[in-house]
C-alpha cells in the first residue's frame, strides 16, 4: 500500500492544514483573503502546536485563490470598537513576531500579491515566493491605521528605511523591484516544493541553530512600545470607521483635550 504524501490535520473553519510527508512540512492555507479574529486564533493555535513539534521541519503558509492575504476587511473593522480593534491588531503583531522564534523555517507564498498585514506577515517569514508579476502595497494609512506587525520594531533591522518611507508614506502599489529594494528578498516564480525539499535535506539541529543565530538579537522593547502607542493613537481618532473625510490634526487635538477635561 502506497504511503500518503499529504495528510490533512486539524479541522478549522478558516484555515486548511496539511502535513506534507515527504518534506515533513505543514501547509497552512487560508481559505479567505482577509484576516479576522477567527483566522488569527486558529493560526495562533496551529503555531503553538508547531512550536512543540520540532519534527516538523518547515511551515508553508499560503492561501486559496490567486492572491495572498489582503489585510483585514475594511468593511468589517469599521464597525469595531477601539478596544476590539486594538485586540485584533495586538494578536496579529504577536503572531508575526512569533515567526522569528518558531523552530521551523517559515515559507510564505505571496502569490499574485498581498497588502497591509498580509505583507507584514510575509516580511516576517524566513523565505518568500511569489509570481514575478505580484503587486504589493502598504495600504494601512488609507484605512486610517498604522502598521503594527513589526515595521517599526522587530522588522526594522531587515528593511531599507529609505525605501520603506517612500512605499509606506506614498501608499503606492509596487512591484518586485521595489520589494527587493525594500529588503524583502523573494524567490520569484520558484516552485515552493523544491524549497521545502531543500529545507528537508538540511540537518535539523544545524537549521534550527542557524535560525536562532539570525534572530538572536532581542526585540527592542522601546521600539515595540512606540509602535503600539502610534497605533493606539490613530485608533482613537476612529478614522478607521470612515472611507474618507478623515479627522484633521486640529480636530484630533480638540478631541484629546475634551477627553482629558
Protein backbone atom coordinates (compact mmCIF):
# COMPACT_ATOMS: atom_id res chain seq x y z
CA UNK A 1 0.00 0.00 0.00
CA UNK A 2 1.42 3.36 -1.05
CA UNK A 3 2.01 5.78 1.82
CA UNK A 4 0.07 9.04 1.72
CA UNK A 5 2.16 12.05 0.76
CA UNK A 6 -0.34 14.64 2.05
CA UNK A 7 -2.28 14.13 5.25
CA UNK A 8 -4.95 16.61 6.45
CA UNK A 9 -4.55 17.53 10.10
CA UNK A 10 -6.82 19.55 12.42
CA UNK A 11 -10.26 20.85 11.47
CA UNK A 12 -10.57 24.61 11.24
CA UNK A 13 -13.11 26.87 9.58
CA UNK A 14 -10.79 29.48 8.11
CA UNK A 15 -7.57 27.51 7.55
CA UNK A 16 -6.83 24.17 5.88
CA UNK A 17 -3.84 22.35 7.36
CA UNK A 18 -1.99 19.52 5.65
CA UNK A 19 1.13 17.60 6.58
CA UNK A 20 3.38 17.17 3.54
CA UNK A 21 5.05 13.92 4.49
CA UNK A 22 8.00 13.77 2.02
CA UNK A 23 9.41 17.05 3.37
CA UNK A 24 7.98 16.98 6.91
CA UNK A 25 6.25 20.27 6.19
CA UNK A 26 3.00 21.70 7.50
CA UNK A 27 0.96 23.56 4.90
CA UNK A 28 -1.17 26.34 6.42
CA UNK A 29 -3.66 27.50 3.81
CA UNK A 30 -6.03 30.41 4.40
CA UNK A 31 -9.50 29.93 2.93
CA UNK A 32 -10.19 33.67 2.59
CA UNK A 33 -8.08 36.66 1.60
CA UNK A 34 -9.00 38.76 4.64
CA UNK A 35 -7.87 38.02 8.19
CA UNK A 36 -10.28 38.16 11.12
CA UNK A 37 -10.41 37.10 14.77
CA UNK A 38 -11.28 33.53 13.84
CA UNK A 39 -8.40 33.05 11.42
CA UNK A 40 -5.91 34.65 13.84
CA UNK A 41 -6.97 32.46 16.76
CA UNK A 42 -6.79 29.39 14.55
CA UNK A 43 -3.37 30.38 13.23
CA UNK A 44 -2.13 31.02 16.77
CA UNK A 45 -3.30 27.54 17.79
CA UNK A 46 -1.53 25.94 14.83
CA UNK A 47 1.71 27.78 15.55
CA UNK A 48 1.56 26.79 19.22
CA UNK A 49 1.27 23.16 18.12
CA UNK A 50 4.17 23.59 15.69
CA UNK A 51 6.42 25.07 18.38
CA UNK A 52 6.13 21.82 20.34
CA UNK A 53 6.61 19.53 17.31
CA UNK A 54 10.15 20.10 16.13
CA UNK A 55 9.93 17.02 13.92
CA UNK A 56 8.08 19.33 11.53
CA UNK A 57 10.85 20.96 9.50
CA UNK A 58 9.02 23.81 7.77
CA UNK A 59 5.76 25.75 7.70
CA UNK A 60 4.37 26.64 4.29
CA UNK A 61 1.87 29.49 4.64
CA UNK A 62 -0.30 30.14 1.61
CA UNK A 63 -3.94 30.71 0.62
CA UNK A 64 -6.62 29.55 -1.75
CA UNK A 65 -7.18 31.69 -4.83
CA UNK A 66 -4.79 33.87 -6.81
CA UNK A 67 -3.77 36.32 -4.07
CA UNK A 68 -2.32 36.06 -0.58
CA UNK A 69 -3.79 37.86 2.46
CA UNK A 70 -5.14 41.31 1.66
CA UNK A 71 -5.10 42.50 5.26
CA UNK A 72 -8.24 42.98 7.33
CA UNK A 73 -11.60 43.64 5.68
CA UNK A 74 -12.10 47.44 5.99
CA UNK A 75 -15.87 47.00 5.85
CA UNK A 76 -15.69 44.73 8.88
CA UNK A 77 -13.28 46.61 11.10
CA UNK A 78 -15.01 49.99 10.62
CA UNK A 79 -17.73 48.77 12.98
CA UNK A 80 -15.25 47.65 15.66
CA UNK A 81 -14.86 49.46 18.96
CA UNK A 82 -11.43 50.88 19.71
CA UNK A 83 -10.68 48.13 22.21
CA UNK A 84 -11.77 45.39 19.83
CA UNK A 85 -9.58 46.76 17.05
CA UNK A 86 -6.58 47.06 19.38
CA UNK A 87 -7.08 43.46 20.46
CA UNK A 88 -7.25 42.30 16.82
CA UNK A 89 -4.03 44.02 15.81
CA UNK A 90 -2.25 43.03 19.01
CA UNK A 91 -2.98 39.41 18.16
CA UNK A 92 -1.67 39.88 14.61
CA UNK A 93 1.51 41.52 15.91
CA UNK A 94 2.18 38.70 18.37
CA UNK A 95 1.77 36.12 15.61
CA UNK A 96 4.07 37.96 13.19
CA UNK A 97 6.77 38.25 15.83
CA UNK A 98 6.45 34.54 16.66
CA UNK A 99 7.57 33.70 13.11
CA UNK A 100 11.09 34.69 14.17
CA UNK A 101 11.03 32.38 17.20
CA UNK A 102 9.50 29.18 15.85
CA UNK A 103 11.87 26.23 15.33
CA UNK A 104 10.58 25.65 11.80
CA UNK A 105 11.73 27.51 8.69
CA UNK A 106 8.73 29.55 7.53
CA UNK A 107 7.96 29.94 3.84
CA UNK A 108 5.20 32.31 2.68
CA UNK A 109 3.73 32.29 -0.82
CA UNK A 110 2.66 35.84 -1.68
CA UNK A 111 1.16 34.52 -4.95
CA UNK A 112 -0.10 37.40 -7.13
CA UNK A 113 0.17 39.93 -4.34
CA UNK A 114 -0.55 40.92 -0.77
CA UNK A 115 -1.07 44.10 1.19
CA UNK A 116 -1.32 45.54 4.68
CA UNK A 117 -0.96 42.99 7.46
CA UNK A 118 -0.53 40.25 4.86
CA UNK A 119 2.59 41.98 3.58
CA UNK A 120 3.93 42.36 7.12
CA UNK A 121 3.35 38.65 7.72
CA UNK A 122 5.29 37.86 4.55
CA UNK A 123 8.18 40.11 5.61
CA UNK A 124 8.31 38.35 8.99
CA UNK A 125 8.72 34.95 7.30
CA UNK A 126 12.14 33.41 6.68
CA UNK A 127 11.57 32.82 2.95
CA UNK A 128 9.12 34.23 0.42
CA UNK A 129 7.98 33.10 -3.01
CA UNK A 130 5.58 34.78 -5.41
CA UNK A 131 4.73 35.37 -9.02
CA UNK A 132 7.10 37.81 -10.69
CA UNK A 133 4.06 39.91 -11.61
CA UNK A 134 2.94 40.25 -7.97
CA UNK A 135 1.57 43.62 -6.85
CA UNK A 136 2.09 44.74 -3.25
CA UNK A 137 1.01 47.62 -1.07
CA UNK A 138 1.22 49.13 2.39
CA UNK A 139 -2.35 50.41 2.46
CA UNK A 140 -2.79 50.89 6.21
CA UNK A 141 -2.65 54.70 6.16
CA UNK A 142 -5.50 54.88 3.64
CA UNK A 143 -7.58 52.93 6.17
CA UNK A 144 -6.83 55.38 8.97
CA UNK A 145 -4.38 53.00 10.64
CA UNK A 146 -0.64 52.47 11.00
CA UNK A 147 1.39 49.27 10.61
CA UNK A 148 1.63 47.34 13.87
CA UNK A 149 3.18 43.99 12.89
CA UNK A 150 6.84 44.87 13.07
CA UNK A 151 7.60 47.58 10.51
CA UNK A 152 8.51 50.00 13.30
CA UNK A 153 10.05 47.41 15.62
CA UNK A 154 11.28 43.84 15.03
CA UNK A 155 11.31 44.07 11.21
CA UNK A 156 13.15 47.41 11.17
CA UNK A 157 16.72 45.95 11.12
CA UNK A 158 15.97 43.93 7.99
CA UNK A 159 14.44 46.71 5.87
CA UNK A 160 15.83 49.63 3.87
CA UNK A 161 14.37 52.60 5.75
CA UNK A 162 14.59 54.99 2.78
CA UNK A 163 12.57 52.64 0.60
CA UNK A 164 10.12 51.89 3.41
CA UNK A 165 9.45 55.60 3.95
CA UNK A 166 8.65 56.05 0.28
CA UNK A 167 6.41 52.98 -0.06
CA UNK A 168 4.56 53.47 3.23
CA UNK A 169 4.02 57.23 3.08
CA UNK A 170 3.05 57.22 -0.60
CA UNK A 171 0.78 54.18 -0.32
CA UNK A 172 1.58 53.29 -3.92
CA UNK A 173 1.16 49.79 -5.28
CA UNK A 174 4.61 48.43 -6.06
CA UNK A 175 6.29 45.56 -7.89
CA UNK A 176 9.11 43.09 -7.34
CA UNK A 177 11.90 45.60 -7.98
CA UNK A 178 10.67 47.86 -5.19
CA UNK A 179 10.15 44.86 -2.92
CA UNK A 180 13.74 43.75 -3.42
CA UNK A 181 14.98 47.29 -2.81
CA UNK A 182 12.95 47.33 0.42
CA UNK A 183 14.95 44.35 1.63
CA UNK A 184 12.19 41.79 1.29
CA UNK A 185 14.09 39.16 -0.65
CA UNK A 186 11.79 36.86 -2.60
CA UNK A 187 12.21 33.82 -4.85
CA UNK A 188 10.09 34.84 -7.81
CA UNK A 189 8.43 32.13 -9.92
CA UNK A 190 10.23 29.48 -7.85
CA UNK A 191 8.49 26.20 -7.04
CA UNK A 192 7.78 26.17 -3.31
CA UNK A 193 8.02 22.37 -3.20
CA UNK A 194 11.66 22.47 -4.29
CA UNK A 195 12.47 24.90 -1.49
CA UNK A 196 10.69 22.70 1.06
CA UNK A 197 12.74 19.77 -0.24
CA UNK A 198 15.95 21.75 0.24
CA UNK A 199 14.94 22.58 3.81
CA UNK A 200 14.19 18.91 4.49
CA UNK A 201 17.68 17.96 3.26
CA UNK A 202 19.29 20.13 5.93
CA UNK A 203 20.41 18.80 9.30
CA UNK A 204 17.55 19.76 11.66
CA UNK A 205 19.75 20.85 14.56
CA UNK A 206 22.02 22.93 12.32
CA UNK A 207 18.96 24.50 10.67
CA UNK A 208 17.34 25.42 14.00
CA UNK A 209 20.58 26.81 15.42
CA UNK A 210 21.16 28.85 12.26
CA UNK A 211 17.73 30.43 12.62
CA UNK A 212 18.48 31.25 16.25
CA UNK A 213 21.70 32.89 15.13
CA UNK A 214 19.91 35.00 12.54
CA UNK A 215 17.37 36.30 15.04
CA UNK A 216 19.48 36.19 18.19
CA UNK A 217 19.23 39.89 18.97
CA UNK A 218 16.34 40.65 21.28
CA UNK A 219 13.43 42.78 20.11
CA UNK A 220 13.89 46.41 21.08
CA UNK A 221 11.15 46.81 23.70
CA UNK A 222 11.19 50.58 23.37
CA UNK A 223 10.55 50.38 19.61
CA UNK A 224 7.80 47.81 20.15
CA UNK A 225 6.12 50.07 22.71
CA UNK A 226 6.39 53.06 20.37
CA UNK A 227 4.80 51.05 17.55
CA UNK A 228 1.92 50.15 19.86
CA UNK A 229 1.44 53.76 21.04
CA UNK A 230 1.37 55.07 17.46
CA UNK A 231 -1.26 52.53 16.54
CA UNK A 232 -3.38 53.21 19.61
CA UNK A 233 -3.34 56.93 18.86
CA UNK A 234 -4.67 56.54 15.33
CA UNK A 235 -7.29 54.06 16.53
CA UNK A 236 -8.51 56.70 18.99
CA UNK A 237 -9.09 59.06 16.05
CA UNK A 238 -11.60 56.49 14.75
CA UNK A 239 -10.59 57.27 11.17
CA UNK A 240 -10.72 53.52 10.55
CA UNK A 241 -14.52 53.81 10.67
CA UNK A 242 -14.53 56.12 7.64
CA UNK A 243 -13.81 55.76 3.94
CA UNK A 244 -12.77 59.41 3.59
CA UNK A 245 -13.23 62.75 5.35
CA UNK A 246 -10.59 61.74 7.87
CA UNK A 247 -10.15 63.81 11.02
CA UNK A 248 -7.80 66.78 10.79
CA UNK A 249 -4.92 67.15 13.29
CA UNK A 250 -6.66 70.14 14.90
CA UNK A 251 -9.90 68.18 15.32
CA UNK A 252 -7.99 65.29 16.85
CA UNK A 253 -6.22 67.68 19.24
CA UNK A 254 -9.58 69.08 20.34
CA UNK A 255 -10.89 65.56 20.84
CA UNK A 256 -7.95 64.69 23.10
CA UNK A 257 -8.37 67.92 25.05
CA UNK A 258 -12.06 67.22 25.67
CA UNK A 259 -11.25 63.74 26.90
CA UNK A 260 -8.61 64.99 29.34
CA UNK A 261 -11.03 67.54 30.88
